[in-house]
C-alpha atoms as a PDB file:
ATOM      1  CA  MET A   1    -204.354 139.829 168.890  1.00  0.00           C
ATOM      2  CA  LEU A   2    -205.152 140.319 172.585  1.00  0.00           C
ATOM      3  CA  PHE A   3    -204.303 143.430 174.632  1.00  0.00           C
ATOM      4  CA  THR A   4    -203.623 142.191 178.189  1.00  0.00           C
ATOM      5  CA  GLY A   5    -201.586 144.923 179.923  1.00  0.00           C
ATOM      6  CA  SER A   6    -202.691 148.325 181.124  1.00  0.00           C
ATOM      7  CA  THR A   7    -201.858 149.872 177.713  1.00  0.00           C
ATOM      8  CA  GLY A   8    -200.310 148.745 174.461  1.00  0.00           C
ATOM      9  CA  GLU A   9    -199.541 149.610 170.849  1.00  0.00           C
ATOM     10  CA  LEU A  10    -200.269 147.386 167.881  1.00  0.00           C
ATOM     11  CA  ASP A  11    -198.541 148.288 164.604  1.00  0.00           C
ATOM     12  CA  LEU A  12    -200.282 146.706 161.629  1.00  0.00           C
ATOM     13  CA  ALA A  13    -199.277 146.412 157.991  1.00  0.00           C
ATOM     14  CA  HIS A  14    -201.400 144.877 155.232  1.00  0.00           C
ATOM     15  CA  THR A  15    -204.637 146.382 156.526  1.00  0.00           C
ATOM     16  CA  LEU A  16    -205.967 147.841 153.278  1.00  0.00           C
ATOM     17  CA  ALA A  17    -208.989 146.109 151.776  1.00  0.00           C
ATOM     18  CA  THR A  18    -207.255 146.065 148.372  1.00  0.00           C
ATOM     19  CA  ASP A  19    -204.221 144.165 149.736  1.00  0.00           C
ATOM     20  CA  SER A  20    -204.491 140.477 148.808  1.00  0.00           C
ATOM     21  CA  GLN A  21    -202.752 139.597 152.092  1.00  0.00           C
ATOM     22  CA  HIS A  22    -204.728 142.033 154.291  1.00  0.00           C
ATOM     23  CA  TYR A  23    -204.921 141.462 158.049  1.00  0.00           C
ATOM     24  CA  ALA A  24    -207.802 139.101 158.749  1.00  0.00           C
ATOM     25  CA  GLY A  25    -207.445 138.560 162.508  1.00  0.00           C
ATOM     26  CA  SER A  26    -209.444 140.012 165.366  1.00  0.00           C
ATOM     27  CA  ILE A  27    -208.297 142.414 168.069  1.00  0.00           C
ATOM     28  CA  SER A  28    -209.620 142.109 171.597  1.00  0.00           C
ATOM     29  CA  SER A  29    -208.799 142.949 175.192  1.00  0.00           C
ATOM     30  CA  SER A  30    -208.734 140.960 178.424  1.00  0.00           C
ATOM     31  CA  SER A  31    -211.316 143.502 179.667  1.00  0.00           C
ATOM     32  CA  PRO A  32    -214.636 144.268 177.928  1.00  0.00           C
ATOM     33  CA  SER A  33    -212.972 146.956 175.785  1.00  0.00           C
ATOM     34  CA  LEU A  34    -209.590 148.413 174.894  1.00  0.00           C
ATOM     35  CA  ALA A  35    -207.965 150.701 177.474  1.00  0.00           C
ATOM     36  CA  SER A  36    -207.707 154.454 176.951  1.00  0.00           C
ATOM     37  CA  GLY A  37    -203.954 154.145 176.310  1.00  0.00           C
ATOM     38  CA  ASP A  38    -204.226 151.398 173.694  1.00  0.00           C
ATOM     39  CA  VAL A  39    -203.159 152.443 170.204  1.00  0.00           C
ATOM     40  CA  ILE A  40    -203.456 150.766 166.799  1.00  0.00           C
ATOM     41  CA  VAL A  41    -201.195 152.101 164.028  1.00  0.00           C
ATOM     42  CA  LEU A  42    -202.031 151.402 160.382  1.00  0.00           C
ATOM     43  CA  ASN A  43    -198.568 151.515 158.825  1.00  0.00           C
ATOM     44  CA  ASP A  44    -199.895 151.170 155.290  1.00  0.00           C
ATOM     45  CA  MET A  45    -202.420 154.039 155.412  1.00  0.00           C
ATOM     46  CA  ASN A  46    -201.493 157.706 155.169  1.00  0.00           C
ATOM     47  CA  PHE A  47    -203.351 160.137 157.401  1.00  0.00           C
ATOM     48  CA  VAL A  48    -205.245 162.823 155.456  1.00  0.00           C
ATOM     49  CA  ASN A  49    -206.220 165.759 157.666  1.00  0.00           C
ATOM     50  CA  GLY A  50    -209.960 166.458 157.562  1.00  0.00           C
ATOM     51  CA  THR A  51    -210.679 163.267 155.619  1.00  0.00           C
ATOM     52  CA  THR A  52    -209.470 160.281 157.655  1.00  0.00           C
ATOM     53  CA  THR A  53    -212.236 158.686 159.726  1.00  0.00           C
ATOM     54  CA  ALA A  54    -212.745 155.628 161.917  1.00  0.00           C
ATOM     55  CA  VAL A  55    -216.308 154.316 162.378  1.00  0.00           C
ATOM     56  CA  TYR A  56    -217.191 151.189 164.340  1.00  0.00           C
ATOM     57  CA  ASP A  57    -219.969 148.859 163.124  1.00  0.00           C
ATOM     58  CA  THR A  58    -221.636 147.753 166.374  1.00  0.00           C
ATOM     59  CA  VAL A  59    -223.435 144.809 164.723  1.00  0.00           C
ATOM     60  CA  ASN A  60    -220.506 143.212 162.867  1.00  0.00           C
ATOM     61  CA  HIS A  61    -217.770 144.453 165.268  1.00  0.00           C
ATOM     62  CA  VAL A  62    -215.714 145.945 162.440  1.00  0.00           C
ATOM     63  CA  LEU A  63    -213.820 149.229 162.544  1.00  0.00           C
ATOM     64  CA  ALA A  64    -213.881 150.885 159.110  1.00  0.00           C
ATOM     65  CA  VAL A  65    -211.000 153.313 158.634  1.00  0.00           C
ATOM     66  CA  THR A  66    -210.689 155.425 155.496  1.00  0.00           C
ATOM     67  CA  ASN A  67    -208.571 158.336 154.342  1.00  0.00           C
ATOM     68  CA  GLY A  68    -210.796 159.056 151.339  1.00  0.00           C
ATOM     69  CA  THR A  69    -208.694 156.884 149.034  1.00  0.00           C
ATOM     70  CA  ALA A  70    -207.876 153.707 150.947  1.00  0.00           C
ATOM     71  CA  THR A  71    -210.037 151.668 153.335  1.00  0.00           C
ATOM     72  CA  ALA A  72    -209.190 149.191 156.097  1.00  0.00           C
ATOM     73  CA  ASP A  73    -211.767 147.007 157.861  1.00  0.00           C
ATOM     74  CA  ILE A  74    -210.506 145.679 161.186  1.00  0.00           C
ATOM     75  CA  SER A  75    -212.377 143.250 163.446  1.00  0.00           C
ATOM     76  CA  ILE A  76    -212.331 144.594 167.015  1.00  0.00           C
ATOM     77  CA  LEU A  77    -214.224 142.588 169.603  1.00  0.00           C
ATOM     78  CA  GLY A  78    -215.756 144.381 172.564  1.00  0.00           C
ATOM     79  CA  THR A  79    -218.436 146.856 173.529  1.00  0.00           C
ATOM     80  CA  TYR A  80    -218.120 150.134 171.629  1.00  0.00           C
ATOM     81  CA  SER A  81    -220.347 152.782 170.069  1.00  0.00           C
ATOM     82  CA  ALA A  82    -220.113 153.799 166.418  1.00  0.00           C
ATOM     83  CA  ASN A  83    -217.967 156.826 167.261  1.00  0.00           C
ATOM     84  CA  SER A  84    -215.798 155.212 169.973  1.00  0.00           C
ATOM     85  CA  PHE A  85    -212.608 155.484 167.947  1.00  0.00           C
ATOM     86  CA  ALA A  86    -210.541 158.469 166.859  1.00  0.00           C
ATOM     87  CA  ALA A  87    -208.123 158.519 163.913  1.00  0.00           C
ATOM     88  CA  VAL A  88    -205.097 160.816 164.228  1.00  0.00           C
ATOM     89  CA  ASP A  89    -201.694 161.351 162.603  1.00  0.00           C
ATOM     90  CA  ASN A  90    -199.072 159.236 164.400  1.00  0.00           C
ATOM     91  CA  GLY A  91    -196.396 161.883 163.815  1.00  0.00           C
ATOM     92  CA  SER A  92    -194.999 160.031 160.803  1.00  0.00           C
ATOM     93  CA  GLY A  93    -197.965 160.595 158.521  1.00  0.00           C
ATOM     94  CA  LYS A  94    -199.628 157.227 159.230  1.00  0.00           C
ATOM     95  CA  VAL A  95    -203.048 156.589 160.791  1.00  0.00           C
ATOM     96  CA  GLU A  96    -203.175 155.967 164.537  1.00  0.00           C
ATOM     97  CA  ILE A  97    -206.396 154.758 166.180  1.00  0.00           C
ATOM     98  CA  HIS A  98    -207.300 155.438 169.827  1.00  0.00           C
ATOM     99  CA  ASP A  99    -210.132 154.175 171.985  1.00  0.00           C
ATOM    100  CA  PRO A 100    -211.641 156.019 173.613  1.00  0.00           C
ATOM    101  CA  PRO A 101    -210.827 159.146 171.638  1.00  0.00           C
ATOM    102  CA  LEU A 102    -208.049 161.116 173.294  1.00  0.00           C
ATOM    103  CA  VAL A 103    -208.970 164.724 174.007  1.00  0.00           C
END
């Protein structure tokens, strides 16, 4: 999946590591990194306040998202630090990922 506009939203299902058909593609941008308005929604993971985290592995280029019960590993190509991403509630109880973290 390639983000090419100024901002975009990607809604993903089948992201959980325990799902036999989990998403195995890579996400990238036409620029070196995702834009500040780009959003990734994990439709199969519930947001748990105080527990849900998103940590980027800078060596393997994998974003590990967990809510304490479920885990999703998503390949995101680009230049990021380990804490580049923020996990928030999307307003419907699902996990929404932003880069860079929205303040």
